[in-house]
């Protein structure tokens, strides 16, 4: 435990003092401030044109996209993987290249302390970054719209931050795995970026094409449309970006009651209105657990490979 704390403190100092972290932090902060400002302008116009303030106004600061500028949630979904990859692509092979890993292990520090300390320091750094940026944006939004968040909105924002931390941590764990598998830092970085591009842009297209090939739509049978949609959604959920978007959309938008298509007969008799927080969490509980599981599995594989790897001076 003492060795893990030593590595943890050293990695935390490296992360907060690195130029790459400062650049990524500044990029997400500026993008979030721009998205929050434009969202606040749209919310103020909606509130002024309506008789009373709509429900869950504060949450709309993070989900509303005005014009061509995406929302803050969309920015995190797009830039968050780059933060995770930048923090982990040279976690192990960078130590090899500098010749410091053998020196560290020559001290009374076990191998598992090294990999555990690096992972925990990365997760803590991600959490500090996202929480601090969210607090800044919340203060900016409160100053612009003048409507404080309710207790339910605060809990939903906390849940969103937990989801976002695990989402970025997955990409960091994946980058650490590539830094163990490949000795060259450039190779591990390119492998992480290639997988990010695949999961972000190509999985949805592959899912739609596969669903159309295996379950073609027959306009005379509405059930085939549902089967095609469910099959396509099931394939696309192998991507952490899909799990992140579905989870955050449901948690931060209480009016979302389902993630898939429904029949008209299933809508009849349904009481309109926002879902309670517990019900919203139940809707996306499989996605939430899936995102956490992917992060832990990826780190578990990294732990196993690092513990069995030969390390020479």
Protein backbone atom coordinates (compact mmCIF):
# COMPACT_ATOMS: atom_id res chain seq x y z
CA UNK A 1 0.00 0.00 0.00
CA UNK A 2 2.86 2.37 0.78
CA UNK A 3 4.39 1.77 -2.64
CA UNK A 4 1.04 2.41 -4.33
CA UNK A 5 0.70 5.74 -2.52
CA UNK A 6 4.22 6.75 -3.55
CA UNK A 7 3.52 5.99 -7.22
CA UNK A 8 0.10 7.67 -6.91
CA UNK A 9 1.58 10.92 -5.60
CA UNK A 10 4.34 10.91 -8.20
CA UNK A 11 1.88 10.31 -11.07
CA UNK A 12 -0.51 12.98 -9.80
CA UNK A 13 2.30 15.51 -9.77
CA UNK A 14 3.31 14.48 -13.29
CA UNK A 15 -0.25 14.78 -14.62
CA UNK A 16 -1.00 18.19 -13.14
CA UNK A 17 2.38 19.54 -14.21
CA UNK A 18 2.34 18.16 -17.76
CA UNK A 19 1.69 20.39 -20.74
CA UNK A 20 -0.62 17.84 -22.37
CA UNK A 21 -2.96 17.94 -19.36
CA UNK A 22 -3.00 21.74 -19.34
CA UNK A 23 -3.77 21.81 -23.06
CA UNK A 24 -6.61 19.27 -22.82
CA UNK A 25 -8.02 20.93 -19.71
CA UNK A 26 -8.01 24.35 -21.39
CA UNK A 27 -9.57 22.94 -24.56
CA UNK A 28 -12.48 21.27 -22.75
CA UNK A 29 -12.98 24.30 -20.49
CA UNK A 30 -13.16 26.74 -23.40
CA UNK A 31 -15.43 24.43 -25.38
CA UNK A 32 -17.68 23.96 -22.35
CA UNK A 33 -17.87 27.68 -21.64
CA UNK A 34 -18.83 28.38 -25.26
CA UNK A 35 -21.48 25.65 -25.21
CA UNK A 36 -22.85 26.83 -21.85
CA UNK A 37 -23.02 30.45 -22.97
CA UNK A 38 -24.95 29.66 -26.14
CA UNK A 39 -27.21 27.24 -24.26
CA UNK A 40 -27.93 29.90 -21.62
CA UNK A 41 -28.92 32.39 -24.32
CA UNK A 42 -31.35 29.89 -25.81
CA UNK A 43 -32.76 29.04 -22.37
CA UNK A 44 -33.28 32.71 -21.50
CA UNK A 45 -35.22 33.28 -24.70
CA UNK A 46 -37.37 30.19 -24.03
CA UNK A 47 -38.09 31.29 -20.47
CA UNK A 48 -38.95 34.82 -21.60
CA UNK A 49 -41.37 33.56 -24.25
CA UNK A 50 -43.14 31.09 -21.92
CA UNK A 51 -45.54 31.85 -19.08
CA UNK A 52 -43.41 30.16 -16.41
CA UNK A 53 -40.01 28.60 -16.05
CA UNK A 54 -39.94 25.08 -17.56
CA UNK A 55 -38.81 22.10 -15.53
CA UNK A 56 -35.16 21.10 -15.24
CA UNK A 57 -33.87 24.37 -16.65
CA UNK A 58 -30.44 24.00 -15.10
CA UNK A 59 -29.83 20.60 -16.71
CA UNK A 60 -30.43 22.13 -20.11
CA UNK A 61 -27.22 24.11 -19.72
CA UNK A 62 -25.33 20.85 -20.27
CA UNK A 63 -27.56 19.25 -22.91
CA UNK A 64 -28.88 22.04 -25.15
CA UNK A 65 -27.02 22.67 -28.40
CA UNK A 66 -27.63 26.08 -29.92
CA UNK A 67 -26.93 26.50 -33.63
CA UNK A 68 -23.91 24.58 -34.88
CA UNK A 69 -22.22 24.39 -31.47
CA UNK A 70 -22.69 21.05 -29.67
CA UNK A 71 -23.61 20.76 -26.01
CA UNK A 72 -21.12 20.29 -23.19
CA UNK A 73 -22.13 16.63 -22.89
CA UNK A 74 -21.36 16.14 -26.59
CA UNK A 75 -17.99 17.86 -26.19
CA UNK A 76 -17.04 15.51 -23.36
CA UNK A 77 -18.20 12.54 -25.42
CA UNK A 78 -15.94 13.61 -28.29
CA UNK A 79 -12.91 15.06 -26.48
CA UNK A 80 -12.98 12.83 -23.39
CA UNK A 81 -11.39 9.84 -25.19
CA UNK A 82 -8.54 12.06 -26.33
CA UNK A 83 -7.91 13.06 -22.72
CA UNK A 84 -7.81 9.42 -21.61
CA UNK A 85 -5.56 8.38 -24.49
CA UNK A 86 -3.20 11.30 -23.87
CA UNK A 87 -2.86 10.35 -20.20
CA UNK A 88 -2.08 6.68 -20.74
CA UNK A 89 -0.48 6.01 -24.13
CA UNK A 90 3.07 6.22 -22.67
CA UNK A 91 2.35 5.10 -19.11
CA UNK A 92 4.54 1.97 -19.32
CA UNK A 93 6.51 2.09 -22.57
CA UNK A 94 7.49 5.67 -21.75
CA UNK A 95 9.10 4.36 -18.57
CA UNK A 96 10.92 1.77 -20.67
CA UNK A 97 12.17 4.41 -23.09
CA UNK A 98 13.46 6.62 -20.27
CA UNK A 99 14.96 3.65 -18.42
CA UNK A 100 13.15 4.56 -15.19
CA UNK A 101 10.94 1.50 -14.73
CA UNK A 102 13.77 -0.82 -13.67
CA UNK A 103 15.03 1.86 -11.28
CA UNK A 104 11.61 2.20 -9.69
CA UNK A 105 11.27 -1.56 -9.24
CA UNK A 106 14.74 -1.76 -7.74
CA UNK A 107 13.30 0.08 -4.75
CA UNK A 108 10.96 -1.67 -2.25
CA UNK A 109 8.00 -1.15 -4.62
CA UNK A 110 6.07 -4.10 -6.03
CA UNK A 111 4.95 -4.39 -9.63
CA UNK A 112 1.27 -4.15 -8.78
CA UNK A 113 1.94 -0.91 -6.90
CA UNK A 114 3.22 0.63 -10.14
CA UNK A 115 0.23 -0.27 -12.31
CA UNK A 116 -2.31 0.39 -9.55
CA UNK A 117 -0.78 3.74 -8.67
CA UNK A 118 -0.75 4.86 -12.29
CA UNK A 119 -4.37 3.86 -12.86
CA UNK A 120 -5.67 5.41 -9.63
CA UNK A 121 -3.75 8.62 -10.27
CA UNK A 122 -5.20 8.84 -13.77
CA UNK A 123 -8.77 8.27 -12.56
CA UNK A 124 -8.33 10.88 -9.81
CA UNK A 125 -6.93 13.39 -12.28
CA UNK A 126 -9.87 12.81 -14.63
CA UNK A 127 -12.35 13.21 -11.79
CA UNK A 128 -10.73 16.44 -10.60
CA UNK A 129 -10.71 17.84 -14.13
CA UNK A 130 -14.35 17.04 -14.90
CA UNK A 131 -15.67 18.15 -11.50
CA UNK A 132 -13.78 21.45 -11.60
CA UNK A 133 -14.92 22.19 -15.16
CA UNK A 134 -18.52 21.33 -14.27
CA UNK A 135 -18.39 23.64 -11.24
CA UNK A 136 -17.07 26.48 -13.38
CA UNK A 137 -19.78 25.94 -15.99
CA UNK A 138 -22.46 25.67 -13.31
CA UNK A 139 -21.39 29.00 -11.87
CA UNK A 140 -21.36 30.57 -15.33
CA UNK A 141 -24.80 29.16 -16.14
CA UNK A 142 -26.22 30.28 -12.81
CA UNK A 143 -24.94 33.78 -13.47
CA UNK A 144 -26.49 33.84 -16.95
CA UNK A 145 -29.94 32.33 -16.31
CA UNK A 146 -30.37 33.17 -12.63
CA UNK A 147 -32.15 29.87 -11.82
CA UNK A 148 -30.42 27.62 -9.25
CA UNK A 149 -30.49 23.83 -9.60
CA UNK A 150 -32.96 21.76 -7.61
CA UNK A 151 -31.97 18.79 -5.48
CA UNK A 152 -32.97 16.34 -8.21
CA UNK A 153 -30.93 18.24 -10.79
CA UNK A 154 -27.89 18.22 -8.50
CA UNK A 155 -28.13 14.45 -8.05
CA UNK A 156 -28.47 13.96 -11.79
CA UNK A 157 -25.36 16.06 -12.42
CA UNK A 158 -23.41 14.01 -9.86
CA UNK A 159 -24.49 10.79 -11.59
CA UNK A 160 -23.49 12.25 -14.94
CA UNK A 161 -20.03 13.09 -13.60
CA UNK A 162 -19.62 9.50 -12.39
CA UNK A 163 -20.56 8.22 -15.86
CA UNK A 164 -18.20 10.70 -17.55
CA UNK A 165 -15.30 9.73 -15.26
CA UNK A 166 -15.71 6.02 -16.08
CA UNK A 167 -16.08 6.85 -19.78
CA UNK A 168 -12.78 8.75 -19.91
CA UNK A 169 -11.16 6.20 -17.58
CA UNK A 170 -12.00 3.43 -20.06
CA UNK A 171 -9.96 5.15 -22.74
CA UNK A 172 -7.13 5.74 -20.29
CA UNK A 173 -7.16 2.04 -19.31
CA UNK A 174 -7.14 1.12 -23.00
CA UNK A 175 -4.18 3.43 -23.60
CA UNK A 176 -2.32 1.86 -20.66
CA UNK A 177 -2.98 -1.58 -22.17
CA UNK A 178 -1.54 -0.47 -25.50
CA UNK A 179 1.47 1.03 -23.72
CA UNK A 180 2.12 -2.43 -22.27
CA UNK A 181 1.56 -4.32 -25.53
CA UNK A 182 3.68 -2.00 -27.70
CA UNK A 183 7.17 -0.83 -26.83
CA UNK A 184 6.96 2.27 -29.07
CA UNK A 185 4.92 5.18 -27.72
CA UNK A 186 3.95 6.28 -31.24
CA UNK A 187 2.51 2.83 -31.97
CA UNK A 188 0.43 2.77 -28.80
CA UNK A 189 -0.86 6.29 -29.48
CA UNK A 190 -1.86 5.42 -33.06
CA UNK A 191 -3.56 2.21 -31.91
CA UNK A 192 -5.63 4.14 -29.38
CA UNK A 193 -6.62 6.81 -31.89
CA UNK A 194 -7.56 4.18 -34.47
CA UNK A 195 -9.83 2.42 -31.98
CA UNK A 196 -11.37 5.75 -30.96
CA UNK A 197 -12.17 6.54 -34.60
CA UNK A 198 -13.65 3.07 -35.09
CA UNK A 199 -15.89 3.22 -32.03
CA UNK A 200 -16.96 6.84 -32.61
CA UNK A 201 -17.63 6.90 -36.34
CA UNK A 202 -17.76 3.40 -37.83
CA UNK A 203 -19.62 1.23 -35.31
CA UNK A 204 -22.98 2.89 -36.01
CA UNK A 205 -22.54 2.45 -39.77
CA UNK A 206 -21.49 -1.18 -39.37
CA UNK A 207 -24.46 -1.81 -37.06
CA UNK A 208 -26.96 -0.34 -39.53
CA UNK A 209 -25.47 -2.25 -42.47
CA UNK A 210 -25.37 -5.55 -40.57
CA UNK A 211 -28.93 -5.15 -39.31
CA UNK A 212 -30.20 -4.41 -42.81
CA UNK A 213 -28.38 -7.45 -44.22
CA UNK A 214 -29.53 -9.92 -41.54
CA UNK A 215 -32.94 -8.44 -40.76
CA UNK A 216 -34.20 -6.51 -43.80
CA UNK A 217 -37.12 -4.16 -43.26
CA UNK A 218 -40.47 -5.20 -44.67
CA UNK A 219 -42.87 -2.25 -44.81
CA UNK A 220 -45.82 -4.63 -44.69
CA UNK A 221 -44.70 -6.02 -41.32
CA UNK A 222 -44.06 -3.39 -38.61
CA UNK A 223 -42.39 -5.99 -36.41
CA UNK A 224 -39.49 -6.26 -38.86
CA UNK A 225 -38.82 -2.53 -38.36
CA UNK A 226 -38.60 -3.05 -34.61
CA UNK A 227 -36.38 -6.11 -34.99
CA UNK A 228 -34.05 -4.22 -37.31
CA UNK A 229 -33.84 -1.25 -34.92
CA UNK A 230 -33.21 -3.42 -31.85
CA UNK A 231 -30.56 -5.47 -33.64
CA UNK A 232 -28.78 -2.33 -34.85
CA UNK A 233 -28.87 -0.80 -31.37
CA UNK A 234 -27.51 -4.00 -29.84
CA UNK A 235 -24.50 -3.99 -32.15
CA UNK A 236 -23.82 -0.27 -31.66
CA UNK A 237 -23.73 -0.77 -27.89
CA UNK A 238 -20.38 -2.48 -28.11
CA UNK A 239 -19.05 1.07 -28.43
CA UNK A 240 -18.41 2.97 -25.17
CA UNK A 241 -19.43 6.15 -26.98
CA UNK A 242 -22.93 4.72 -27.50
CA UNK A 243 -23.17 3.64 -23.86
CA UNK A 244 -22.06 7.10 -22.76
CA UNK A 245 -24.51 8.97 -24.98
CA UNK A 246 -27.48 6.80 -24.01
CA UNK A 247 -26.70 7.01 -20.29
CA UNK A 248 -26.14 10.75 -20.21
CA UNK A 249 -29.17 11.47 -22.40
CA UNK A 250 -31.45 9.55 -20.04
CA UNK A 251 -29.96 10.91 -16.81
CA UNK A 252 -29.80 14.56 -17.86
CA UNK A 253 -33.09 14.54 -19.80
CA UNK A 254 -35.82 13.29 -17.43
CA UNK A 255 -38.43 13.34 -20.21
CA UNK A 256 -36.67 10.38 -21.90
CA UNK A 257 -38.67 7.29 -20.96
CA UNK A 258 -37.20 4.68 -23.31
CA UNK A 259 -34.15 4.25 -25.53
CA UNK A 260 -35.65 2.13 -28.29
CA UNK A 261 -38.62 2.33 -30.64
CA UNK A 262 -42.03 1.45 -29.22
CA UNK A 263 -45.34 0.45 -30.71
CA UNK A 264 -48.30 2.82 -30.62
CA UNK A 265 -50.21 0.34 -28.48
CA UNK A 266 -47.51 0.61 -25.81
CA UNK A 267 -47.85 4.40 -25.64
CA UNK A 268 -51.61 4.44 -25.14
CA UNK A 269 -52.46 5.11 -21.51
CA UNK A 270 -48.96 6.29 -20.58
CA UNK A 271 -48.92 9.32 -18.27
CA UNK A 272 -46.73 12.05 -19.80
CA UNK A 273 -44.13 13.74 -17.65
CA UNK A 274 -40.53 13.41 -16.50
CA UNK A 275 -39.27 10.24 -14.89
CA UNK A 276 -38.00 10.20 -11.30
CA UNK A 277 -34.28 9.84 -10.86
CA UNK A 278 -34.49 6.20 -9.78
CA UNK A 279 -36.60 5.29 -12.82
CA UNK A 280 -34.23 7.09 -15.18
CA UNK A 281 -31.32 5.19 -13.67
CA UNK A 282 -33.16 1.89 -14.09
CA UNK A 283 -33.67 2.63 -17.80
CA UNK A 284 -29.92 2.91 -18.40
CA UNK A 285 -28.68 0.59 -15.66
CA UNK A 286 -27.36 -2.00 -18.18
CA UNK A 287 -25.47 0.73 -20.07
CA UNK A 288 -24.08 2.16 -16.82
CA UNK A 289 -22.87 -1.22 -15.58
CA UNK A 290 -21.55 -2.07 -19.04
CA UNK A 291 -19.40 1.07 -19.12
CA UNK A 292 -17.97 0.34 -15.68
CA UNK A 293 -17.35 -3.30 -16.62
CA UNK A 294 -15.51 -2.36 -19.80
CA UNK A 295 -13.23 -0.05 -17.82
CA UNK A 296 -12.44 -2.65 -15.16
CA UNK A 297 -11.94 -5.45 -17.71
CA UNK A 298 -9.55 -3.33 -19.74
CA UNK A 299 -7.55 -2.47 -16.62
CA UNK A 300 -7.62 -6.11 -15.51
CA UNK A 301 -6.05 -7.21 -18.79
CA UNK A 302 -3.43 -4.48 -18.43
CA UNK A 303 -2.69 -5.63 -14.88
CA UNK A 304 -2.31 -9.26 -15.97
CA UNK A 305 0.00 -8.46 -18.90
CA UNK A 306 2.15 -6.09 -16.85
CA UNK A 307 2.59 -8.59 -14.01
CA UNK A 308 3.78 -11.26 -16.45
CA UNK A 309 6.00 -8.98 -18.51
CA UNK A 310 9.76 -9.29 -18.37
CA UNK A 311 11.49 -6.13 -17.23
CA UNK A 312 15.20 -5.62 -17.74
CA UNK A 313 17.46 -2.73 -16.92
